[in-house]
Amino acid sequence: MVATPQLAFPRTIFHVDMDAFFVSVEELYDPSLRGKPVVVGGQRDERGVVSAASYAARKFGVHSAMPLRTAAKLCPNAIFVDGHPDRYREFSEKVHTVLGAFSPQVEMASIDEAYLDMSGTERLHGPPLKAAHHLHQRMKTDTGLNCSIGIGASRLVAKVSSGQAKPNGVLFIVPGEEAKFLAPLDVREIPGVGKVMETHLHALGIKKVGDLSRLDESELSDRFGKWGLALAGKARGEDAGGWFDSEVGANVDAKSISHEHTYNEDTADASQLEATLVRLSEMVGRRLRESQFHARTIQLKLRYKDFTTLTRAHTLASPTQLDTEIFEQVRALFRKNWKNGVPVRLLGVHASSFTSRPDQINLLEGNRQQRWKDALAAADHLRDRFGESSVGLASGIRAGFRERVHENPASLPGKNKPRNS
């Protein structure tokens, strides 16, 4: 009996991107904001950046990551909202619940976007466009929010097509049509191509994705190394070059965790600066515990008024996830490196070199560490119930700043899978 070769059916990947997520959630709580130019992330006179802008504000050129003060100049009539991270986490969980009803393989790429592997779900949900239509309706019914859905045989194509479908649309790129779809798009639309790479490509006369096909893979490799080969694959719509290395839904561990704070007014107040480091250490510690990581390297980021920036790191003898130990190390770095009396613009705390298990506990320190672990576990529980600002170390209260909305939250739905101990 001659074996019949198996046909290789392409995957079906959905990229679901919530439309103006932060703004849309704010509109649910305050319907008077609907249809108006709204900017989430802080007030018009603050130094922060825009986390999200309504489509009405985007017409004036306002976009995410833009300085709030620039947004205020571009759109003087905009309504500025500080934002409510706890609300966004709550709605992200609701979004994840909806997505989980359509596929067992869901990956939250950020608080407001996700990939679904819909391969093999046709008998349950129908063909891709029908499934996407049902998902659209279910999302609106269960969360009150709109989303855009891109469908393709790769994550790259799904992501790019969801961007083209905005707002509140669906775009399905039929397998085999990927290169044709991508060809007229700007090279910046390729995930992973930033301003620097865009500049290099423009210098070569490559402005559209289709222009990449004019260059041989060997030439791209000579110019850009492995990333050049990846570009060639991406231009064909492939998940190439390490941008999408894992399968949808794989539990990919973070390489680092960090939080920063930019002051509205530069300060040289030592007690204020150290209070900020306490609060940042709490935020980093919280995320370490939720990810079940222990960090061996703690780093300070310090930026002065003139934008001079320095980073200093210390490697611990034993990895930690305790706020107090993180702060102890970052405070030592700060006191050693801060030019006393010189105003500071930004402070940051960064943790890396992760392990999932702590080293052997020092018997002399074991009791103290366990007490802190118990206390911080109780604090985390209170934050889960009442919000991130509901409890904290007393010395960090003076910092008086809120969690930045544009930062990814302490955890993403579906990311915190239990680890074997």
Protein backbone atom coordinates (compact mmCIF):
# COMPACT_ATOMS: atom_id res chain seq x y z
CA MET A 1 0.00 0.00 0.00
CA VAL A 2 1.40 3.35 -1.04
CA ALA A 3 1.21 6.06 1.62
CA THR A 4 -0.57 9.23 0.51
CA PRO A 5 1.44 12.33 1.36
CA GLN A 6 -0.20 14.66 3.87
CA LEU A 7 -1.19 18.06 2.51
CA ALA A 8 0.35 20.95 4.43
CA PHE A 9 -2.58 23.23 5.24
CA PRO A 10 -1.60 26.76 6.24
CA ARG A 11 -2.23 27.95 9.75
CA THR A 12 -4.99 30.40 10.52
CA ILE A 13 -3.80 33.15 12.85
CA PHE A 14 -5.95 35.98 14.19
CA HIS A 15 -4.47 39.19 15.52
CA VAL A 16 -7.06 40.95 17.68
CA ASP A 17 -6.28 44.58 18.45
CA MET A 18 -8.63 46.55 20.71
CA ASP A 19 -9.53 49.91 19.18
CA ALA A 20 -8.22 52.88 21.21
CA PHE A 21 -8.40 50.59 24.24
CA PHE A 22 -7.65 53.01 27.08
CA VAL A 23 -9.90 55.69 25.61
CA SER A 24 -12.70 53.19 24.96
CA VAL A 25 -12.62 51.99 28.57
CA GLU A 26 -12.75 55.59 29.80
CA GLU A 27 -15.76 56.18 27.56
CA LEU A 28 -17.60 53.29 29.22
CA TYR A 29 -17.23 55.06 32.57
CA ASP A 30 -17.89 58.53 31.15
CA PRO A 31 -20.08 58.38 28.01
CA SER A 32 -19.76 62.16 27.59
CA LEU A 33 -16.24 61.53 26.20
CA ARG A 34 -17.54 59.69 23.14
CA GLY A 35 -16.78 61.33 19.83
CA LYS A 36 -14.54 63.94 21.43
CA PRO A 37 -10.75 64.37 21.19
CA VAL A 38 -9.50 62.52 24.27
CA VAL A 39 -5.90 61.97 25.40
CA VAL A 40 -5.10 59.37 28.07
CA GLY A 41 -1.84 59.40 30.02
CA GLY A 42 -1.76 62.61 32.06
CA GLN A 43 -2.58 66.29 32.02
CA ARG A 44 -1.71 68.77 29.27
CA ASP A 45 0.98 70.54 31.31
CA GLU A 46 2.80 67.39 32.48
CA ARG A 47 6.04 65.92 31.15
CA GLY A 48 4.62 62.47 30.51
CA VAL A 49 3.70 60.91 27.19
CA VAL A 50 0.42 60.07 25.52
CA SER A 51 -0.70 56.53 26.28
CA ALA A 52 -3.67 56.58 23.91
CA ALA A 53 -5.63 59.06 21.83
CA SER A 54 -9.18 58.87 20.53
CA TYR A 55 -9.65 58.82 16.78
CA ALA A 56 -10.97 62.40 17.02
CA ALA A 57 -7.65 63.46 18.59
CA ARG A 58 -5.60 61.50 16.07
CA LYS A 59 -7.00 63.68 13.29
CA PHE A 60 -4.92 66.50 14.79
CA GLY A 61 -1.74 64.41 14.66
CA VAL A 62 -1.82 63.21 18.26
CA HIS A 63 -0.44 59.70 18.75
CA SER A 64 0.84 57.42 21.50
CA ALA A 65 4.32 58.09 22.95
CA MET A 66 4.04 61.77 22.00
CA PRO A 67 4.82 64.25 24.82
CA LEU A 68 1.63 65.41 26.49
CA ARG A 69 2.61 69.05 26.04
CA THR A 70 3.04 68.50 22.29
CA ALA A 71 -0.39 66.88 22.14
CA ALA A 72 -1.88 69.91 23.89
CA LYS A 73 -0.38 72.23 21.26
CA LEU A 74 -1.62 70.10 18.36
CA CYS A 75 -5.11 69.68 19.83
CA PRO A 76 -5.88 72.53 22.26
CA ASN A 77 -9.48 71.37 22.75
CA ALA A 78 -8.52 67.82 23.74
CA ILE A 79 -9.75 66.39 27.03
CA PHE A 80 -6.79 65.02 29.03
CA VAL A 81 -7.38 62.02 31.31
CA ASP A 82 -4.88 60.63 33.82
CA GLY A 83 -6.01 57.08 33.14
CA HIS A 84 -6.94 54.19 35.41
CA PRO A 85 -4.58 51.20 35.07
CA ASP A 86 -6.71 49.00 37.33
CA ARG A 87 -9.67 49.44 35.00
CA TYR A 88 -7.57 48.53 32.00
CA ARG A 89 -6.30 45.38 33.70
CA GLU A 90 -9.87 44.41 34.51
CA PHE A 91 -11.02 44.85 30.92
CA SER A 92 -7.94 43.07 29.58
CA GLU A 93 -9.03 40.05 31.64
CA LYS A 94 -12.51 40.30 30.08
CA VAL A 95 -10.96 40.43 26.61
CA HIS A 96 -8.85 37.37 27.38
CA THR A 97 -11.94 35.48 28.55
CA VAL A 98 -13.71 36.19 25.26
CA LEU A 99 -10.69 35.11 23.23
CA GLY A 100 -10.36 31.90 25.23
CA ALA A 101 -13.84 30.89 24.08
CA PHE A 102 -12.63 30.86 20.47
CA SER A 103 -9.24 29.14 20.74
CA PRO A 104 -7.23 27.28 23.38
CA GLN A 105 -4.10 28.96 22.01
CA VAL A 106 -4.23 32.62 23.00
CA GLU A 107 -1.25 34.91 23.51
CA MET A 108 -1.72 38.37 24.97
CA ALA A 109 0.99 40.38 23.22
CA SER A 110 0.14 43.40 25.36
CA ILE A 111 -2.71 44.63 27.52
CA ASP A 112 -4.84 45.40 24.43
CA GLU A 113 -3.78 42.98 21.69
CA ALA A 114 -3.57 39.23 21.27
CA TYR A 115 -2.83 36.42 18.83
CA LEU A 116 -5.09 33.41 18.43
CA ASP A 117 -4.17 30.24 16.57
CA MET A 118 -7.50 29.35 14.98
CA SER A 119 -6.11 26.43 12.97
CA GLY A 120 -8.43 23.45 13.13
CA THR A 121 -11.36 25.34 14.66
CA GLU A 122 -13.42 25.52 11.43
CA ARG A 123 -15.85 22.79 12.52
CA LEU A 124 -16.56 24.69 15.71
CA HIS A 125 -16.51 28.32 14.55
CA GLY A 126 -16.76 28.10 10.77
CA PRO A 127 -14.36 29.54 8.18
CA PRO A 128 -12.08 32.43 9.18
CA LEU A 129 -14.31 35.36 8.19
CA LYS A 130 -17.37 33.84 9.86
CA ALA A 131 -15.39 33.13 13.03
CA ALA A 132 -14.04 36.67 13.04
CA HIS A 133 -17.56 38.07 12.65
CA HIS A 134 -18.74 36.05 15.65
CA LEU A 135 -15.70 37.14 17.66
CA HIS A 136 -16.43 40.76 16.79
CA GLN A 137 -19.99 40.45 18.07
CA ARG A 138 -19.03 38.53 21.18
CA MET A 139 -16.35 41.08 22.11
CA LYS A 140 -18.81 43.97 21.83
CA THR A 141 -21.50 42.13 23.78
CA ASP A 142 -19.27 40.91 26.61
CA THR A 143 -16.95 43.91 27.03
CA GLY A 144 -18.66 46.87 25.36
CA LEU A 145 -15.48 47.43 23.32
CA ASN A 146 -14.67 47.36 19.63
CA CYS A 147 -11.72 45.51 18.12
CA SER A 148 -10.03 45.05 14.76
CA ILE A 149 -9.08 41.59 13.55
CA GLY A 150 -6.38 40.64 11.08
CA ILE A 151 -6.31 37.11 9.65
CA GLY A 152 -3.37 35.43 7.96
CA ALA A 153 -1.28 32.31 7.72
CA SER A 154 1.41 33.93 9.90
CA ARG A 155 1.46 36.18 12.92
CA LEU A 156 3.25 38.85 10.93
CA VAL A 157 0.54 39.04 8.27
CA ALA A 158 -2.21 38.88 10.89
CA LYS A 159 -0.68 41.79 12.81
CA VAL A 160 -0.14 43.98 9.77
CA SER A 161 -3.62 43.26 8.43
CA SER A 162 -5.32 44.16 11.74
CA GLY A 163 -3.63 47.56 11.52
CA GLN A 164 -5.01 48.01 8.02
CA ALA A 165 -8.49 46.98 9.24
CA LYS A 166 -8.75 49.71 11.91
CA PRO A 167 -11.03 50.86 13.27
CA ASN A 168 -13.51 48.07 14.06
CA GLY A 169 -12.83 46.06 10.91
CA VAL A 170 -11.75 42.63 9.74
CA LEU A 171 -9.18 41.89 7.04
CA PHE A 172 -8.40 38.37 5.79
CA ILE A 173 -5.30 37.84 3.67
CA VAL A 174 -5.90 34.68 1.67
CA PRO A 175 -2.96 32.25 1.80
CA GLY A 176 -0.68 32.84 -1.19
CA GLU A 177 -1.53 36.55 -1.39
CA GLU A 178 0.81 37.71 1.38
CA ALA A 179 3.52 39.29 -0.77
CA LYS A 180 0.92 41.07 -2.93
CA PHE A 181 -0.77 42.49 0.18
CA LEU A 182 2.49 43.67 1.76
CA ALA A 183 4.18 45.05 -1.39
CA PRO A 184 2.56 48.56 -1.45
CA LEU A 185 2.96 49.16 2.29
CA ASP A 186 5.72 51.32 3.78
CA VAL A 187 8.64 49.28 5.13
CA ARG A 188 7.89 50.74 8.58
CA GLU A 189 4.75 48.59 8.61
CA ILE A 190 6.91 45.48 9.00
CA PRO A 191 7.00 44.54 12.70
CA GLY A 192 10.49 45.13 14.03
CA VAL A 193 11.48 47.85 11.55
CA GLY A 194 12.15 50.98 13.59
CA LYS A 195 13.28 54.47 12.68
CA VAL A 196 16.96 53.52 12.36
CA MET A 197 16.34 50.55 10.05
CA GLU A 198 13.82 52.59 8.08
CA THR A 199 16.51 55.24 7.50
CA HIS A 200 19.00 52.61 6.32
CA LEU A 201 16.45 51.10 3.93
CA HIS A 202 15.43 54.49 2.55
CA ALA A 203 19.10 55.22 1.84
CA LEU A 204 19.06 52.13 -0.39
CA GLY A 205 15.94 53.34 -2.16
CA ILE A 206 13.75 50.85 -0.33
CA LYS A 207 10.59 52.62 0.81
CA LYS A 208 7.91 49.99 0.19
CA VAL A 209 7.91 46.37 1.28
CA GLY A 210 7.81 45.35 -2.39
CA ASP A 211 11.10 47.18 -2.95
CA LEU A 212 12.85 44.56 -0.84
CA SER A 213 12.29 42.00 -3.60
CA ARG A 214 14.69 43.97 -5.81
CA LEU A 215 17.58 42.95 -3.58
CA ASP A 216 18.94 39.43 -3.39
CA GLU A 217 18.92 37.77 0.00
CA SER A 218 22.71 37.63 -0.16
CA GLU A 219 22.90 41.41 -0.53
CA LEU A 220 20.50 41.94 2.38
CA SER A 221 22.57 39.51 4.42
CA ASP A 222 25.82 41.30 3.58
CA ARG A 223 24.34 44.65 4.58
CA PHE A 224 22.30 43.70 7.63
CA GLY A 225 23.44 40.21 8.67
CA LYS A 226 20.77 37.84 9.98
CA TRP A 227 18.30 40.71 10.17
CA GLY A 228 18.70 41.16 6.40
CA LEU A 229 17.64 37.56 5.77
CA ALA A 230 14.75 38.09 8.16
CA LEU A 231 13.64 41.14 6.17
CA ALA A 232 13.49 39.07 3.01
CA GLY A 233 11.28 36.54 4.77
CA LYS A 234 9.06 39.21 6.29
CA ALA A 235 8.52 40.78 2.86
CA ARG A 236 7.01 37.43 1.84
CA GLY A 237 4.79 37.42 4.93
CA GLU A 238 6.77 34.88 6.95
CA ASP A 239 7.32 34.86 10.70
CA ALA A 240 11.05 35.27 10.16
CA GLY A 241 14.04 36.43 12.10
CA GLY A 242 13.19 35.96 15.73
CA TRP A 243 10.28 38.40 15.88
CA PHE A 244 7.84 35.50 16.33
CA ASP A 245 10.08 32.67 17.44
CA SER A 246 7.58 30.76 19.56
CA GLU A 247 4.20 29.23 18.95
CA VAL A 248 1.06 31.20 19.77
CA GLY A 249 0.30 30.80 23.45
CA ALA A 250 3.80 29.68 24.43
CA ASN A 251 4.83 30.96 27.84
CA VAL A 252 7.83 33.07 26.83
CA ASP A 253 9.67 34.45 29.85
CA ALA A 254 10.55 38.11 30.10
CA LYS A 255 14.24 39.02 29.99
CA SER A 256 13.92 42.06 32.25
CA ILE A 257 11.42 44.08 34.25
CA SER A 258 11.66 47.81 34.77
CA HIS A 259 9.71 50.90 35.80
CA GLU A 260 10.60 54.57 35.39
CA HIS A 261 9.28 57.91 36.57
CA THR A 262 9.77 61.30 34.92
CA TYR A 263 9.21 64.28 37.21
CA ASN A 264 6.95 67.10 36.08
CA GLU A 265 9.53 69.45 37.58
CA ASP A 266 13.19 68.49 38.05
CA THR A 267 14.08 67.91 41.68
CA ALA A 268 17.21 67.73 43.83
CA ASP A 269 15.24 66.83 46.98
CA ALA A 270 17.05 63.71 48.23
CA SER A 271 14.11 62.45 50.28
CA GLN A 272 11.75 62.84 47.31
CA LEU A 273 14.19 61.04 45.04
CA GLU A 274 14.61 58.12 47.44
CA ALA A 275 10.83 57.93 47.97
CA THR A 276 10.52 57.54 44.21
CA LEU A 277 13.04 54.70 44.26
CA VAL A 278 10.98 52.99 46.98
CA ARG A 279 7.84 53.16 44.84
CA LEU A 280 9.65 51.97 41.71
CA SER A 281 11.18 49.09 43.67
CA GLU A 282 7.70 48.10 44.82
CA MET A 283 6.42 48.07 41.26
CA VAL A 284 9.34 45.96 40.04
CA GLY A 285 9.06 43.57 42.99
CA ARG A 286 5.35 43.13 42.35
CA ARG A 287 5.96 42.12 38.76
CA LEU A 288 8.76 39.75 39.76
CA ARG A 289 6.48 37.94 42.20
CA GLU A 290 3.61 37.70 39.72
CA SER A 291 5.99 36.23 37.14
CA GLN A 292 7.50 33.99 39.82
CA PHE A 293 10.97 35.31 39.05
CA HIS A 294 13.92 36.16 41.28
CA ALA A 295 16.33 38.76 39.91
CA ARG A 296 20.07 38.65 40.42
CA THR A 297 20.90 42.01 38.79
CA ILE A 298 19.42 45.34 39.92
CA GLN A 299 20.05 48.48 37.87
CA LEU A 300 19.53 52.19 38.49
CA LYS A 301 18.71 54.62 35.70
CA LEU A 302 19.30 58.30 36.45
CA ARG A 303 18.70 61.19 34.05
CA TYR A 304 19.68 64.77 34.87
CA LYS A 305 18.01 68.01 33.82
CA ASP A 306 20.29 68.31 30.77
CA PHE A 307 19.31 64.76 29.67
CA THR A 308 22.67 63.29 30.67
CA THR A 309 21.80 59.70 31.56
CA LEU A 310 23.71 57.10 33.51
CA THR A 311 22.95 53.49 34.37
CA ARG A 312 24.61 51.56 37.16
CA ALA A 313 24.02 47.91 38.04
CA HIS A 314 24.82 45.58 40.91
CA THR A 315 24.76 41.78 40.90
CA LEU A 316 23.40 40.24 44.08
CA ALA A 317 24.93 37.31 45.87
CA SER A 318 21.42 35.79 46.06
CA PRO A 319 18.56 36.62 43.67
CA THR A 320 15.53 38.39 45.11
CA GLN A 321 11.94 39.39 44.47
CA LEU A 322 11.53 41.43 47.66
CA ASP A 323 10.78 45.16 47.39
CA THR A 324 12.97 45.95 50.38
CA GLU A 325 16.04 44.20 48.99
CA ILE A 326 15.59 45.76 45.55
CA PHE A 327 15.34 49.21 47.14
CA GLU A 328 18.35 48.60 49.38
CA GLN A 329 20.52 47.89 46.34
CA VAL A 330 19.18 50.64 44.11
CA ARG A 331 19.46 53.20 46.93
CA ALA A 332 23.11 52.29 47.39
CA LEU A 333 23.69 52.79 43.66
CA PHE A 334 21.86 56.11 43.79
CA ARG A 335 23.79 57.48 46.77
CA LYS A 336 27.07 56.46 45.20
CA ASN A 337 26.37 57.99 41.78
CA TRP A 338 24.03 60.98 42.21
CA LYS A 339 25.74 64.36 42.06
CA ASN A 340 24.38 65.82 45.27
CA GLY A 341 22.28 68.93 44.61
CA VAL A 342 21.99 68.40 40.85
CA PRO A 343 18.31 68.30 39.72
CA VAL A 344 17.06 64.95 38.45
CA ARG A 345 14.61 64.55 35.59
CA LEU A 346 14.03 60.77 35.60
CA LEU A 347 14.67 57.73 37.80
CA GLY A 348 14.29 54.08 36.87
CA VAL A 349 14.68 50.67 38.50
CA HIS A 350 15.51 47.65 36.34
CA ALA A 351 15.76 43.96 37.27
CA SER A 352 17.26 41.19 35.15
CA SER A 353 19.23 37.89 35.21
CA PHE A 354 16.17 35.92 36.29
CA THR A 355 15.88 32.55 37.93
CA SER A 356 12.67 30.79 38.87
CA ARG A 357 14.13 29.58 42.17
CA PRO A 358 15.88 31.45 44.97
CA ASP A 359 19.25 30.32 46.22
CA GLN A 360 19.53 28.46 49.51
CA ILE A 361 18.15 30.72 52.24
CA ASN A 362 20.69 32.03 54.72
CA LEU A 363 19.59 30.57 58.09
CA LEU A 364 20.43 33.83 59.87
CA GLU A 365 18.35 35.82 57.41
CA GLY A 366 15.68 33.21 56.72
CA ASN A 367 13.22 34.41 59.35
CA ARG A 368 13.41 38.04 58.29
CA GLN A 369 13.07 37.17 54.61
CA GLN A 370 10.09 34.93 55.27
CA ARG A 371 8.34 37.66 57.23
CA TRP A 372 8.83 40.05 54.33
CA LYS A 373 7.61 37.44 51.85
CA ASP A 374 4.45 36.92 53.89
CA ALA A 375 3.87 40.67 54.26
CA LEU A 376 4.38 41.34 50.55
CA ALA A 377 2.14 38.42 49.57
CA ALA A 378 -0.60 39.98 51.71
CA ALA A 379 0.06 43.38 50.09
CA ASP A 380 -0.18 41.84 46.61
CA HIS A 381 -3.52 40.28 47.57
CA LEU A 382 -4.85 43.67 48.65
CA ARG A 383 -3.64 45.24 45.40
CA ASP A 384 -5.43 42.53 43.43
CA ARG A 385 -8.67 43.42 45.21
CA PHE A 386 -8.40 47.19 45.62
CA GLY A 387 -5.86 48.42 43.07
CA GLU A 388 -2.12 48.95 42.80
CA SER A 389 -2.12 52.11 44.93
CA SER A 390 -4.11 50.61 47.80
CA VAL A 391 -1.06 49.58 49.83
CA GLY A 392 2.69 50.26 49.84
CA LEU A 393 5.78 50.86 51.91
CA ALA A 394 5.39 53.96 54.08
CA SER A 395 8.64 55.48 52.79
CA GLY A 396 7.30 55.35 49.23
CA ILE A 397 4.08 57.23 49.92
CA ARG A 398 5.79 60.60 49.55
CA ALA A 399 6.68 59.75 45.95
CA GLY A 400 3.09 60.57 45.12
CA PHE A 401 3.08 59.44 41.50
CA ARG A 402 0.68 57.12 39.76
CA GLU A 403 1.48 54.09 37.67
CA ARG A 404 2.10 55.11 34.08
CA VAL A 405 -0.72 53.89 31.88
CA HIS A 406 1.49 53.13 28.88
CA GLU A 407 3.55 50.65 30.84
CA ASN A 408 2.57 47.02 30.56
CA PRO A 409 0.85 45.91 33.75
CA ALA A 410 2.33 43.69 36.42
CA SER A 411 0.88 40.72 34.58
CA LEU A 412 -0.98 39.95 31.38
CA PRO A 413 -3.95 37.57 31.27
CA GLY A 414 -2.82 34.03 30.58
CA LYS A 415 0.86 34.82 31.13
CA ASN A 416 1.20 33.66 34.72
CA LYS A 417 1.14 29.93 34.36
CA PRO A 418 2.14 28.02 37.49
CA ARG A 419 5.72 26.84 37.55
CA ASN A 420 6.93 23.58 38.99
CA SER A 421 8.57 24.18 42.33
